[in-house]
Each structure stands twice: as C-alpha cells, then as structure tokens.
PDB file of all heavy atoms in Angstrom:
ATOM      1  N   THR A   1       1.720   2.310 -13.752  1.00  0.00           N
ATOM      2  CA  THR A   1       2.128   3.416 -14.627  1.00  0.00           C
ATOM      3  C   THR A   1       0.883   4.328 -14.886  1.00  0.00           C
ATOM      4  O   THR A   1       1.065   5.540 -15.213  1.00  0.00           O
ATOM      5  CB  THR A   1       2.658   2.956 -15.994  1.00  0.00           C
ATOM      6  OG1 THR A   1       1.735   2.040 -16.647  1.00  0.00           O
ATOM      7  CG2 THR A   1       3.932   2.244 -15.807  1.00  0.00           C
ATOM      8  N   SER A   2      -0.279   3.841 -14.714  1.00  0.00           N
ATOM      9  CA  SER A   2      -1.469   4.645 -14.899  1.00  0.00           C
ATOM     10  C   SER A   2      -2.448   4.342 -13.738  1.00  0.00           C
ATOM     11  O   SER A   2      -2.421   3.244 -13.176  1.00  0.00           O
ATOM     12  CB  SER A   2      -2.242   4.385 -16.172  1.00  0.00           C
ATOM     13  OG  SER A   2      -2.699   3.043 -16.296  1.00  0.00           O
ATOM     14  N   LEU A   3      -3.388   5.243 -13.497  1.00  0.00           N
ATOM     15  CA  LEU A   3      -4.413   5.054 -12.456  1.00  0.00           C
ATOM     16  C   LEU A   3      -5.344   3.850 -12.813  1.00  0.00           C
ATOM     17  O   LEU A   3      -5.664   3.100 -11.906  1.00  0.00           O
ATOM     18  CB  LEU A   3      -5.220   6.298 -12.242  1.00  0.00           C
ATOM     19  CG  LEU A   3      -6.419   6.139 -11.242  1.00  0.00           C
ATOM     20  CD1 LEU A   3      -5.791   5.884  -9.862  1.00  0.00           C
ATOM     21  CD2 LEU A   3      -7.180   7.566 -11.229  1.00  0.00           C
ATOM     22  N   GLU A   4      -5.661   3.776 -14.124  1.00  0.00           N
ATOM     23  CA  GLU A   4      -6.484   2.637 -14.560  1.00  0.00           C
ATOM     24  C   GLU A   4      -5.865   1.268 -14.252  1.00  0.00           C
ATOM     25  O   GLU A   4      -6.479   0.310 -13.794  1.00  0.00           O
ATOM     26  CB  GLU A   4      -6.764   2.755 -16.077  1.00  0.00           C
ATOM     27  CG  GLU A   4      -7.690   3.904 -16.403  1.00  0.00           C
ATOM     28  CD  GLU A   4      -6.942   5.239 -16.353  1.00  0.00           C
ATOM     29  OE1 GLU A   4      -5.717   5.260 -16.362  1.00  0.00           O
ATOM     30  OE2 GLU A   4      -7.676   6.320 -16.370  1.00  0.00           O
ATOM     31  N   GLU A   5      -4.507   1.154 -14.604  1.00  0.00           N
ATOM     32  CA  GLU A   5      -3.809  -0.068 -14.356  1.00  0.00           C
ATOM     33  C   GLU A   5      -3.747  -0.395 -12.835  1.00  0.00           C
ATOM     34  O   GLU A   5      -3.859  -1.487 -12.384  1.00  0.00           O
ATOM     35  CB  GLU A   5      -2.431  -0.072 -14.945  1.00  0.00           C
ATOM     36  CG  GLU A   5      -2.390  -0.260 -16.403  1.00  0.00           C
ATOM     37  CD  GLU A   5      -0.919  -0.324 -16.996  1.00  0.00           C
ATOM     38  OE1 GLU A   5      -0.027  -0.568 -16.109  1.00  0.00           O
ATOM     39  OE2 GLU A   5      -0.754  -0.209 -18.176  1.00  0.00           O
ATOM     40  N   HIS A   6      -3.475   0.717 -12.128  1.00  0.00           N
ATOM     41  CA  HIS A   6      -3.363   0.536 -10.632  1.00  0.00           C
ATOM     42  C   HIS A   6      -4.694   0.089 -10.041  1.00  0.00           C
ATOM     43  O   HIS A   6      -4.735  -0.913  -9.202  1.00  0.00           O
ATOM     44  CB  HIS A   6      -2.976   1.843  -9.926  1.00  0.00           C
ATOM     45  CG  HIS A   6      -2.640   1.708  -8.530  1.00  0.00           C
ATOM     46  ND1 HIS A   6      -1.426   1.307  -8.062  1.00  0.00           N
ATOM     47  CD2 HIS A   6      -3.434   1.905  -7.426  1.00  0.00           C
ATOM     48  CE1 HIS A   6      -1.391   1.294  -6.733  1.00  0.00           C
ATOM     49  NE2 HIS A   6      -2.689   1.658  -6.336  1.00  0.00           N
ATOM     50  N   ARG A   7      -5.827   0.604 -10.514  1.00  0.00           N
ATOM     51  CA  ARG A   7      -7.106   0.169  -9.985  1.00  0.00           C
ATOM     52  C   ARG A   7      -7.421  -1.354 -10.288  1.00  0.00           C
ATOM     53  O   ARG A   7      -8.012  -2.024  -9.564  1.00  0.00           O
ATOM     54  CB  ARG A   7      -8.185   1.024 -10.562  1.00  0.00           C
ATOM     55  CG  ARG A   7      -8.244   2.454 -10.100  1.00  0.00           C
ATOM     56  CD  ARG A   7      -8.563   2.596  -8.595  1.00  0.00           C
ATOM     57  NE  ARG A   7      -8.703   4.054  -8.238  1.00  0.00           N
ATOM     58  CZ  ARG A   7      -8.673   4.418  -6.973  1.00  0.00           C
ATOM     59  NH1 ARG A   7      -8.417   3.529  -5.938  1.00  0.00           N
ATOM     60  NH2 ARG A   7      -8.993   5.661  -6.705  1.00  0.00           N
ATOM     61  N   GLU A   8      -6.897  -1.684 -11.502  1.00  0.00           N
ATOM     62  CA  GLU A   8      -7.203  -3.079 -11.921  1.00  0.00           C
ATOM     63  C   GLU A   8      -6.309  -4.147 -11.355  1.00  0.00           C
ATOM     64  O   GLU A   8      -6.666  -5.186 -10.912  1.00  0.00           O
ATOM     65  CB  GLU A   8      -7.049  -3.170 -13.544  1.00  0.00           C
ATOM     66  CG  GLU A   8      -7.401  -4.510 -14.038  1.00  0.00           C
ATOM     67  CD  GLU A   8      -7.394  -4.586 -15.559  1.00  0.00           C
ATOM     68  OE1 GLU A   8      -7.151  -3.493 -16.174  1.00  0.00           O
ATOM     69  OE2 GLU A   8      -7.601  -5.673 -16.166  1.00  0.00           O
ATOM     70  N   PHE A   9      -4.919  -3.757 -11.289  1.00  0.00           N
ATOM     71  CA  PHE A   9      -4.009  -4.740 -10.880  1.00  0.00           C
ATOM     72  C   PHE A   9      -3.353  -4.470  -9.519  1.00  0.00           C
ATOM     73  O   PHE A   9      -2.688  -5.397  -8.913  1.00  0.00           O
ATOM     74  CB  PHE A   9      -2.773  -4.831 -11.947  1.00  0.00           C
ATOM     75  CG  PHE A   9      -3.249  -5.129 -13.316  1.00  0.00           C
ATOM     76  CD1 PHE A   9      -3.278  -4.260 -14.282  1.00  0.00           C
ATOM     77  CD2 PHE A   9      -3.648  -6.427 -13.576  1.00  0.00           C
ATOM     78  CE1 PHE A   9      -3.704  -4.520 -15.607  1.00  0.00           C
ATOM     79  CE2 PHE A   9      -4.095  -6.758 -14.890  1.00  0.00           C
ATOM     80  CZ  PHE A   9      -4.130  -5.806 -15.886  1.00  0.00           C
ATOM     81  N   GLY A  10      -3.557  -3.313  -9.022  1.00  0.00           N
ATOM     82  CA  GLY A  10      -3.065  -3.015  -7.689  1.00  0.00           C
ATOM     83  C   GLY A  10      -1.597  -2.698  -7.722  1.00  0.00           C
ATOM     84  O   GLY A  10      -0.911  -2.827  -8.719  1.00  0.00           O
ATOM     85  N   GLY A  11      -1.039  -2.206  -6.544  1.00  0.00           N
ATOM     86  CA  GLY A  11       0.387  -1.916  -6.427  1.00  0.00           C
ATOM     87  C   GLY A  11       1.091  -2.843  -5.398  1.00  0.00           C
ATOM     88  O   GLY A  11       0.558  -3.807  -4.906  1.00  0.00           O
ATOM     89  N   ASN A  12       2.439  -2.647  -5.327  1.00  0.00           N
ATOM     90  CA  ASN A  12       3.313  -3.460  -4.571  1.00  0.00           C
ATOM     91  C   ASN A  12       3.771  -2.616  -3.334  1.00  0.00           C
ATOM     92  O   ASN A  12       4.742  -1.970  -3.453  1.00  0.00           O
ATOM     93  CB  ASN A  12       4.419  -4.007  -5.410  1.00  0.00           C
ATOM     94  CG  ASN A  12       5.293  -5.015  -4.639  1.00  0.00           C
ATOM     95  OD1 ASN A  12       5.032  -5.264  -3.381  1.00  0.00           O
ATOM     96  ND2 ASN A  12       6.414  -5.396  -5.218  1.00  0.00           N
ATOM     97  N   PRO A  13       3.214  -2.821  -2.203  1.00  0.00           N
ATOM     98  CA  PRO A  13       3.685  -2.138  -0.983  1.00  0.00           C
ATOM     99  C   PRO A  13       5.139  -2.501  -0.505  1.00  0.00           C
ATOM    100  O   PRO A  13       5.722  -1.720   0.180  1.00  0.00           O
ATOM    101  CB  PRO A  13       2.650  -2.429   0.081  1.00  0.00           C
ATOM    102  CG  PRO A  13       2.073  -3.750  -0.354  1.00  0.00           C
ATOM    103  CD  PRO A  13       2.098  -3.716  -1.858  1.00  0.00           C
ATOM    104  N   ASP A  14       5.544  -3.657  -0.924  1.00  0.00           N
ATOM    105  CA  ASP A  14       6.866  -4.214  -0.510  1.00  0.00           C
ATOM    106  C   ASP A  14       7.915  -3.342  -1.046  1.00  0.00           C
ATOM    107  O   ASP A  14       9.077  -3.299  -0.575  1.00  0.00           O
ATOM    108  CB  ASP A  14       7.045  -5.622  -0.905  1.00  0.00           C
ATOM    109  CG  ASP A  14       5.983  -6.595  -0.269  1.00  0.00           C
ATOM    110  OD1 ASP A  14       5.579  -6.194   0.885  1.00  0.00           O
ATOM    111  OD2 ASP A  14       5.737  -7.596  -0.805  1.00  0.00           O
ATOM    112  N   VAL A  15       7.782  -2.592  -2.136  1.00  0.00           N
ATOM    113  CA  VAL A  15       8.789  -1.776  -2.785  1.00  0.00           C
ATOM    114  C   VAL A  15       8.397  -0.278  -2.770  1.00  0.00           C
ATOM    115  O   VAL A  15       9.200   0.580  -3.121  1.00  0.00           O
ATOM    116  CB  VAL A  15       9.137  -2.153  -4.215  1.00  0.00           C
ATOM    117  CG1 VAL A  15       9.594  -3.593  -4.289  1.00  0.00           C
ATOM    118  CG2 VAL A  15       7.911  -1.947  -5.079  1.00  0.00           C
ATOM    119  N   ASP A  16       7.231  -0.011  -2.191  1.00  0.00           N
ATOM    120  CA  ASP A  16       6.736   1.267  -2.190  1.00  0.00           C
ATOM    121  C   ASP A  16       7.375   2.076  -0.960  1.00  0.00           C
ATOM    122  O   ASP A  16       7.131   1.583   0.176  1.00  0.00           O
ATOM    123  CB  ASP A  16       5.168   1.368  -2.093  1.00  0.00           C
ATOM    124  CG  ASP A  16       4.655   2.807  -2.213  1.00  0.00           C
ATOM    125  OD1 ASP A  16       4.452   3.470  -1.222  1.00  0.00           O
ATOM    126  OD2 ASP A  16       4.302   3.133  -3.388  1.00  0.00           O
ATOM    127  N   VAL A  17       8.151   3.092  -1.245  1.00  0.00           N
ATOM    128  CA  VAL A  17       8.836   3.740  -0.133  1.00  0.00           C
ATOM    129  C   VAL A  17       7.953   4.457   0.884  1.00  0.00           C
ATOM    130  O   VAL A  17       8.178   4.430   2.084  1.00  0.00           O
ATOM    131  CB  VAL A  17       9.898   4.732  -0.721  1.00  0.00           C
ATOM    132  CG1 VAL A  17      10.517   5.667   0.381  1.00  0.00           C
ATOM    133  CG2 VAL A  17      10.982   3.951  -1.367  1.00  0.00           C
ATOM    134  N   ALA A  18       6.947   5.103   0.375  1.00  0.00           N
ATOM    135  CA  ALA A  18       5.988   5.780   1.267  1.00  0.00           C
ATOM    136  C   ALA A  18       5.336   4.753   2.271  1.00  0.00           C
ATOM    137  O   ALA A  18       5.318   4.972   3.476  1.00  0.00           O
ATOM    138  CB  ALA A  18       4.913   6.465   0.535  1.00  0.00           C
ATOM    139  N   TYR A  19       4.992   3.631   1.713  1.00  0.00           N
ATOM    140  CA  TYR A  19       4.419   2.566   2.653  1.00  0.00           C
ATOM    141  C   TYR A  19       5.555   2.043   3.605  1.00  0.00           C
ATOM    142  O   TYR A  19       5.247   1.871   4.748  1.00  0.00           O
ATOM    143  CB  TYR A  19       3.933   1.382   1.750  1.00  0.00           C
ATOM    144  CG  TYR A  19       3.477   0.252   2.698  1.00  0.00           C
ATOM    145  CD1 TYR A  19       2.237   0.294   3.388  1.00  0.00           C
ATOM    146  CD2 TYR A  19       4.291  -0.904   2.902  1.00  0.00           C
ATOM    147  CE1 TYR A  19       1.897  -0.777   4.220  1.00  0.00           C
ATOM    148  CE2 TYR A  19       3.935  -1.941   3.703  1.00  0.00           C
ATOM    149  CZ  TYR A  19       2.709  -1.910   4.395  1.00  0.00           C
ATOM    150  OH  TYR A  19       2.360  -2.876   5.220  1.00  0.00           O
ATOM    151  N   GLN A  20       6.728   1.817   3.058  1.00  0.00           N
ATOM    152  CA  GLN A  20       7.800   1.367   3.929  1.00  0.00           C
ATOM    153  C   GLN A  20       8.047   2.329   5.083  1.00  0.00           C
ATOM    154  O   GLN A  20       8.278   1.948   6.200  1.00  0.00           O
ATOM    155  CB  GLN A  20       9.068   1.189   3.105  1.00  0.00           C
ATOM    156  CG  GLN A  20       9.021  -0.031   2.164  1.00  0.00           C
ATOM    157  CD  GLN A  20       8.624  -1.361   2.747  1.00  0.00           C
ATOM    158  OE1 GLN A  20       9.259  -1.650   3.749  1.00  0.00           O
ATOM    159  NE2 GLN A  20       7.772  -2.089   2.219  1.00  0.00           N
ATOM    160  N   TYR A  21       8.057   3.543   4.847  1.00  0.00           N
ATOM    161  CA  TYR A  21       8.213   4.595   5.916  1.00  0.00           C
ATOM    162  C   TYR A  21       7.153   4.526   6.869  1.00  0.00           C
ATOM    163  O   TYR A  21       7.373   4.650   8.150  1.00  0.00           O
ATOM    164  CB  TYR A  21       8.351   6.038   5.239  1.00  0.00           C
ATOM    165  CG  TYR A  21       9.676   6.371   4.735  1.00  0.00           C
ATOM    166  CD1 TYR A  21      10.552   5.423   4.249  1.00  0.00           C
ATOM    167  CD2 TYR A  21      10.140   7.676   4.779  1.00  0.00           C
ATOM    168  CE1 TYR A  21      11.824   5.768   3.749  1.00  0.00           C
ATOM    169  CE2 TYR A  21      11.352   8.044   4.156  1.00  0.00           C
ATOM    170  CZ  TYR A  21      12.243   7.127   3.778  1.00  0.00           C
ATOM    171  OH  TYR A  21      13.451   7.448   3.270  1.00  0.00           O
ATOM    172  N   LEU A  22       5.923   4.292   6.454  1.00  0.00           N
ATOM    173  CA  LEU A  22       4.809   4.240   7.338  1.00  0.00           C
ATOM    174  C   LEU A  22       4.903   3.039   8.392  1.00  0.00           C
ATOM    175  O   LEU A  22       4.488   3.117   9.457  1.00  0.00           O
ATOM    176  CB  LEU A  22       3.444   4.113   6.590  1.00  0.00           C
ATOM    177  CG  LEU A  22       3.030   5.399   5.884  1.00  0.00           C
ATOM    178  CD1 LEU A  22       1.880   5.085   4.958  1.00  0.00           C
ATOM    179  CD2 LEU A  22       2.619   6.455   6.921  1.00  0.00           C
ATOM    180  N   THR A  23       5.513   1.896   7.899  1.00  0.00           N
ATOM    181  CA  THR A  23       5.762   0.785   8.742  1.00  0.00           C
ATOM    182  C   THR A  23       6.684   1.127   9.944  1.00  0.00           C
ATOM    183  O   THR A  23       6.570   0.431  10.944  1.00  0.00           O
ATOM    184  CB  THR A  23       6.267  -0.456   7.996  1.00  0.00           C
ATOM    185  OG1 THR A  23       7.637  -0.139   7.479  1.00  0.00           O
ATOM    186  CG2 THR A  23       5.389  -0.852   6.831  1.00  0.00           C
ATOM    187  N   TYR A  24       7.474   2.121   9.766  1.00  0.00           N
ATOM    188  CA  TYR A  24       8.396   2.506  10.837  1.00  0.00           C
ATOM    189  C   TYR A  24       7.666   3.491  11.748  1.00  0.00           C
ATOM    190  O   TYR A  24       7.925   3.488  13.022  1.00  0.00           O
ATOM    191  CB  TYR A  24       9.605   3.240  10.311  1.00  0.00           C
ATOM    192  CG  TYR A  24      10.642   2.346   9.644  1.00  0.00           C
ATOM    193  CD1 TYR A  24      10.496   1.888   8.318  1.00  0.00           C
ATOM    194  CD2 TYR A  24      11.694   1.916  10.374  1.00  0.00           C
ATOM    195  CE1 TYR A  24      11.411   1.135   7.709  1.00  0.00           C
ATOM    196  CE2 TYR A  24      12.704   1.076   9.774  1.00  0.00           C
ATOM    197  CZ  TYR A  24      12.507   0.763   8.451  1.00  0.00           C
ATOM    198  OH  TYR A  24      13.445  -0.128   7.844  1.00  0.00           O
ATOM    199  N   PHE A  25       6.790   4.364  11.268  1.00  0.00           N
ATOM    200  CA  PHE A  25       6.302   5.463  12.122  1.00  0.00           C
ATOM    201  C   PHE A  25       4.870   5.356  12.542  1.00  0.00           C
ATOM    202  O   PHE A  25       4.378   6.157  13.388  1.00  0.00           O
ATOM    203  CB  PHE A  25       6.532   6.823  11.312  1.00  0.00           C
ATOM    204  CG  PHE A  25       8.001   7.135  11.108  1.00  0.00           C
ATOM    205  CD1 PHE A  25       8.566   6.874   9.921  1.00  0.00           C
ATOM    206  CD2 PHE A  25       8.716   7.674  12.159  1.00  0.00           C
ATOM    207  CE1 PHE A  25       9.952   7.175   9.712  1.00  0.00           C
ATOM    208  CE2 PHE A  25      10.032   7.989  11.942  1.00  0.00           C
ATOM    209  CZ  PHE A  25      10.677   7.701  10.690  1.00  0.00           C
ATOM    210  N   VAL A  26       4.149   4.437  11.992  1.00  0.00           N
ATOM    211  CA  VAL A  26       2.734   4.202  12.425  1.00  0.00           C
ATOM    212  C   VAL A  26       2.706   2.972  13.337  1.00  0.00           C
ATOM    213  O   VAL A  26       3.133   1.916  12.916  1.00  0.00           O
ATOM    214  CB  VAL A  26       1.792   3.971  11.184  1.00  0.00           C
ATOM    215  CG1 VAL A  26       0.431   3.525  11.683  1.00  0.00           C
ATOM    216  CG2 VAL A  26       1.703   5.213  10.345  1.00  0.00           C
ATOM    217  N   GLU A  27       2.258   3.199  14.602  1.00  0.00           N
ATOM    218  CA  GLU A  27       2.285   2.074  15.498  1.00  0.00           C
ATOM    219  C   GLU A  27       0.995   1.202  15.469  1.00  0.00           C
ATOM    220  O   GLU A  27       1.091   0.086  16.025  1.00  0.00           O
ATOM    221  CB  GLU A  27       2.358   2.806  16.997  1.00  0.00           C
ATOM    222  CG  GLU A  27       3.618   3.510  17.213  1.00  0.00           C
ATOM    223  CD  GLU A  27       3.764   3.980  18.622  1.00  0.00           C
ATOM    224  OE1 GLU A  27       2.896   3.640  19.476  1.00  0.00           O
ATOM    225  OE2 GLU A  27       4.714   4.688  18.921  1.00  0.00           O
ATOM    226  N   ASP A  28       0.018   1.596  14.782  1.00  0.00           N
ATOM    227  CA  ASP A  28      -1.192   0.778  14.669  1.00  0.00           C
ATOM    228  C   ASP A  28      -0.956  -0.287  13.600  1.00  0.00           C
ATOM    229  O   ASP A  28      -0.980  -0.025  12.404  1.00  0.00           O
ATOM    230  CB  ASP A  28      -2.364   1.757  14.257  1.00  0.00           C
ATOM    231  CG  ASP A  28      -3.686   1.033  14.239  1.00  0.00           C
ATOM    232  OD1 ASP A  28      -3.698  -0.182  14.195  1.00  0.00           O
ATOM    233  OD2 ASP A  28      -4.801   1.682  14.332  1.00  0.00           O
ATOM    234  N   ASP A  29      -0.808  -1.459  14.055  1.00  0.00           N
ATOM    235  CA  ASP A  29      -0.577  -2.650  13.155  1.00  0.00           C
ATOM    236  C   ASP A  29      -1.702  -2.792  12.100  1.00  0.00           C
ATOM    237  O   ASP A  29      -1.579  -3.153  10.985  1.00  0.00           O
ATOM    238  CB  ASP A  29      -0.288  -3.915  13.837  1.00  0.00           C
ATOM    239  CG  ASP A  29       1.056  -3.855  14.548  1.00  0.00           C
ATOM    240  OD1 ASP A  29       1.895  -3.095  14.248  1.00  0.00           O
ATOM    241  OD2 ASP A  29       1.217  -4.728  15.538  1.00  0.00           O
ATOM    242  N   LYS A  30      -2.977  -2.641  12.570  1.00  0.00           N
ATOM    243  CA  LYS A  30      -4.088  -2.829  11.716  1.00  0.00           C
ATOM    244  C   LYS A  30      -4.093  -1.776  10.620  1.00  0.00           C
ATOM    245  O   LYS A  30      -4.463  -2.110   9.397  1.00  0.00           O
ATOM    246  CB  LYS A  30      -5.397  -2.701  12.568  1.00  0.00           C
ATOM    247  CG  LYS A  30      -6.655  -2.978  11.685  1.00  0.00           C
ATOM    248  CD  LYS A  30      -7.933  -3.036  12.442  1.00  0.00           C
ATOM    249  CE  LYS A  30      -9.059  -3.526  11.654  1.00  0.00           C
ATOM    250  NZ  LYS A  30      -9.231  -2.857  10.363  1.00  0.00           N
ATOM    251  N   GLU A  31      -3.767  -0.574  10.859  1.00  0.00           N
ATOM    252  CA  GLU A  31      -3.725   0.430   9.832  1.00  0.00           C
ATOM    253  C   GLU A  31      -2.614   0.080   8.752  1.00  0.00           C
ATOM    254  O   GLU A  31      -2.879   0.159   7.568  1.00  0.00           O
ATOM    255  CB  GLU A  31      -3.334   1.890  10.416  1.00  0.00           C
ATOM    256  CG  GLU A  31      -3.307   2.842   9.262  1.00  0.00           C
ATOM    257  CD  GLU A  31      -2.896   4.306   9.737  1.00  0.00           C
ATOM    258  OE1 GLU A  31      -2.838   4.504  10.964  1.00  0.00           O
ATOM    259  OE2 GLU A  31      -2.692   5.184   8.896  1.00  0.00           O
ATOM    260  N   ILE A  32      -1.567  -0.343   9.238  1.00  0.00           N
ATOM    261  CA  ILE A  32      -0.428  -0.831   8.270  1.00  0.00           C
ATOM    262  C   ILE A  32      -0.955  -1.966   7.424  1.00  0.00           C
ATOM    263  O   ILE A  32      -0.743  -2.027   6.129  1.00  0.00           O
ATOM    264  CB  ILE A  32       0.785  -1.243   9.076  1.00  0.00           C
ATOM    265  CG1 ILE A  32       1.467  -0.029   9.833  1.00  0.00           C
ATOM    266  CG2 ILE A  32       1.828  -1.892   8.141  1.00  0.00           C
ATOM    267  CD1 ILE A  32       1.936   1.045   8.897  1.00  0.00           C
ATOM    268  N   GLU A  33      -1.629  -2.887   8.058  1.00  0.00           N
ATOM    269  CA  GLU A  33      -2.174  -3.998   7.281  1.00  0.00           C
ATOM    270  C   GLU A  33      -3.173  -3.588   6.272  1.00  0.00           C
ATOM    271  O   GLU A  33      -3.241  -4.030   5.155  1.00  0.00           O
ATOM    272  CB  GLU A  33      -2.747  -5.054   8.245  1.00  0.00           C
ATOM    273  CG  GLU A  33      -3.288  -6.344   7.539  1.00  0.00           C
ATOM    274  CD  GLU A  33      -3.958  -7.317   8.480  1.00  0.00           C
ATOM    275  OE1 GLU A  33      -3.890  -7.102   9.709  1.00  0.00           O
ATOM    276  OE2 GLU A  33      -4.517  -8.290   8.029  1.00  0.00           O
ATOM    277  N   ASP A  34      -4.075  -2.721   6.726  1.00  0.00           N
ATOM    278  CA  ASP A  34      -5.173  -2.228   5.799  1.00  0.00           C
ATOM    279  C   ASP A  34      -4.574  -1.411   4.677  1.00  0.00           C
ATOM    280  O   ASP A  34      -5.003  -1.548   3.434  1.00  0.00           O
ATOM    281  CB  ASP A  34      -6.140  -1.306   6.631  1.00  0.00           C
ATOM    282  CG  ASP A  34      -6.978  -2.098   7.588  1.00  0.00           C
ATOM    283  OD1 ASP A  34      -7.016  -3.323   7.489  1.00  0.00           O
ATOM    284  OD2 ASP A  34      -7.521  -1.475   8.495  1.00  0.00           O
ATOM    285  N   LEU A  35      -3.512  -0.649   4.922  1.00  0.00           N
ATOM    286  CA  LEU A  35      -2.871   0.102   3.870  1.00  0.00           C
ATOM    287  C   LEU A  35      -2.244  -0.875   2.791  1.00  0.00           C
ATOM    288  O   LEU A  35      -2.381  -0.669   1.564  1.00  0.00           O
ATOM    289  CB  LEU A  35      -1.768   1.036   4.403  1.00  0.00           C
ATOM    290  CG  LEU A  35      -2.239   2.244   5.111  1.00  0.00           C
ATOM    291  CD1 LEU A  35      -1.063   2.888   5.889  1.00  0.00           C
ATOM    292  CD2 LEU A  35      -2.876   3.222   4.175  1.00  0.00           C
ATOM    293  N   ALA A  36      -1.558  -1.928   3.289  1.00  0.00           N
ATOM    294  CA  ALA A  36      -0.986  -2.923   2.350  1.00  0.00           C
ATOM    295  C   ALA A  36      -2.043  -3.687   1.563  1.00  0.00           C
ATOM    296  O   ALA A  36      -1.854  -3.765   0.268  1.00  0.00           O
ATOM    297  CB  ALA A  36      -0.190  -3.933   3.168  1.00  0.00           C
ATOM    298  N   VAL A  37      -3.111  -4.070   2.162  1.00  0.00           N
ATOM    299  CA  VAL A  37      -4.152  -4.755   1.518  1.00  0.00           C
ATOM    300  C   VAL A  37      -4.915  -3.942   0.512  1.00  0.00           C
ATOM    301  O   VAL A  37      -5.073  -4.218  -0.703  1.00  0.00           O
ATOM    302  CB  VAL A  37      -5.161  -5.348   2.539  1.00  0.00           C
ATOM    303  CG1 VAL A  37      -6.429  -5.869   1.751  1.00  0.00           C
ATOM    304  CG2 VAL A  37      -4.608  -6.460   3.333  1.00  0.00           C
ATOM    305  N   GLY A  38      -5.126  -2.662   0.859  1.00  0.00           N
ATOM    306  CA  GLY A  38      -5.808  -1.767   0.008  1.00  0.00           C
ATOM    307  C   GLY A  38      -4.920  -1.346  -1.195  1.00  0.00           C
ATOM    308  O   GLY A  38      -5.506  -1.169  -2.316  1.00  0.00           O
ATOM    309  N   TYR A  39      -3.611  -1.283  -0.946  1.00  0.00           N
ATOM    310  CA  TYR A  39      -2.752  -0.934  -2.063  1.00  0.00           C
ATOM    311  C   TYR A  39      -2.628  -2.081  -3.049  1.00  0.00           C
ATOM    312  O   TYR A  39      -2.649  -1.822  -4.246  1.00  0.00           O
ATOM    313  CB  TYR A  39      -1.398  -0.571  -1.459  1.00  0.00           C
ATOM    314  CG  TYR A  39      -0.466   0.235  -2.393  1.00  0.00           C
ATOM    315  CD1 TYR A  39      -0.811   1.471  -2.804  1.00  0.00           C
ATOM    316  CD2 TYR A  39       0.815  -0.245  -2.684  1.00  0.00           C
ATOM    317  CE1 TYR A  39       0.074   2.257  -3.545  1.00  0.00           C
ATOM    318  CE2 TYR A  39       1.660   0.404  -3.521  1.00  0.00           C
ATOM    319  CZ  TYR A  39       1.261   1.753  -3.940  1.00  0.00           C
ATOM    320  OH  TYR A  39       2.054   2.429  -4.747  1.00  0.00           O
ATOM    321  N   ARG A  40      -2.541  -3.261  -2.566  1.00  0.00           N
ATOM    322  CA  ARG A  40      -2.488  -4.442  -3.402  1.00  0.00           C
ATOM    323  C   ARG A  40      -3.736  -4.640  -4.223  1.00  0.00           C
ATOM    324  O   ARG A  40      -3.672  -5.117  -5.393  1.00  0.00           O
ATOM    325  CB  ARG A  40      -2.193  -5.659  -2.624  1.00  0.00           C
ATOM    326  CG  ARG A  40      -0.789  -5.761  -2.069  1.00  0.00           C
ATOM    327  CD  ARG A  40      -0.498  -7.155  -1.560  1.00  0.00           C
ATOM    328  NE  ARG A  40       0.923  -7.315  -1.150  1.00  0.00           N
ATOM    329  CZ  ARG A  40       1.346  -7.229   0.117  1.00  0.00           C
ATOM    330  NH1 ARG A  40       0.466  -6.863   1.073  1.00  0.00           N
ATOM    331  NH2 ARG A  40       2.580  -7.297   0.347  1.00  0.00           N
ATOM    332  N   LYS A  41      -4.937  -4.195  -3.718  1.00  0.00           N
ATOM    333  CA  LYS A  41      -6.111  -4.326  -4.380  1.00  0.00           C
ATOM    334  C   LYS A  41      -6.320  -3.138  -5.323  1.00  0.00           C
ATOM    335  O   LYS A  41      -7.341  -3.203  -6.121  1.00  0.00           O
ATOM    336  CB  LYS A  41      -7.307  -4.371  -3.457  1.00  0.00           C
ATOM    337  CG  LYS A  41      -7.386  -5.709  -2.600  1.00  0.00           C
ATOM    338  CD  LYS A  41      -8.554  -5.712  -1.690  1.00  0.00           C
ATOM    339  CE  LYS A  41      -8.681  -6.999  -0.903  1.00  0.00           C
ATOM    340  NZ  LYS A  41      -9.895  -7.040  -0.037  1.00  0.00           N
ATOM    341  N   GLY A  42      -5.543  -2.097  -5.269  1.00  0.00           N
ATOM    342  CA  GLY A  42      -5.793  -0.927  -6.049  1.00  0.00           C
ATOM    343  C   GLY A  42      -6.779  -0.015  -5.485  1.00  0.00           C
ATOM    344  O   GLY A  42      -7.167   1.009  -6.137  1.00  0.00           O
ATOM    345  N   GLU A  43      -7.274  -0.277  -4.320  1.00  0.00           N
ATOM    346  CA  GLU A  43      -8.210   0.665  -3.698  1.00  0.00           C
ATOM    347  C   GLU A  43      -7.573   1.956  -3.151  1.00  0.00           C
ATOM    348  O   GLU A  43      -8.160   2.974  -3.005  1.00  0.00           O
ATOM    349  CB  GLU A  43      -8.917  -0.097  -2.463  1.00  0.00           C
ATOM    350  CG  GLU A  43      -9.805  -1.297  -3.041  1.00  0.00           C
ATOM    351  CD  GLU A  43     -10.189  -2.097  -1.871  1.00  0.00           C
ATOM    352  OE1 GLU A  43      -9.821  -1.867  -0.612  1.00  0.00           O
ATOM    353  OE2 GLU A  43     -10.998  -3.076  -2.076  1.00  0.00           O
TER     354      GLU A  43
END
C-alpha cells in the first residue's frame, strides 16, 4: 500500500498483472526471473 512497505516487505508477482503479462511477451527467461526476484525483495 505504500512505497516504504513495498521496499521493506516486497511485492507478490504471482498476482501482479503487469508481471503476469510480461511472462507472456518477454522471451528472456532470465529477465522474467530477475523481475520476480526484484519485486519480491522490494527492489
């Protein structure tokens, strides 16, 4: 709900629609993995 919380606790890419769309249209598996990891860490 806030940037501070997101930086501390991270987000959930499994329900994030923008991330889900990227898994369909980005062919680079490493980029998809890095996005998920970075999102979960709040980076």
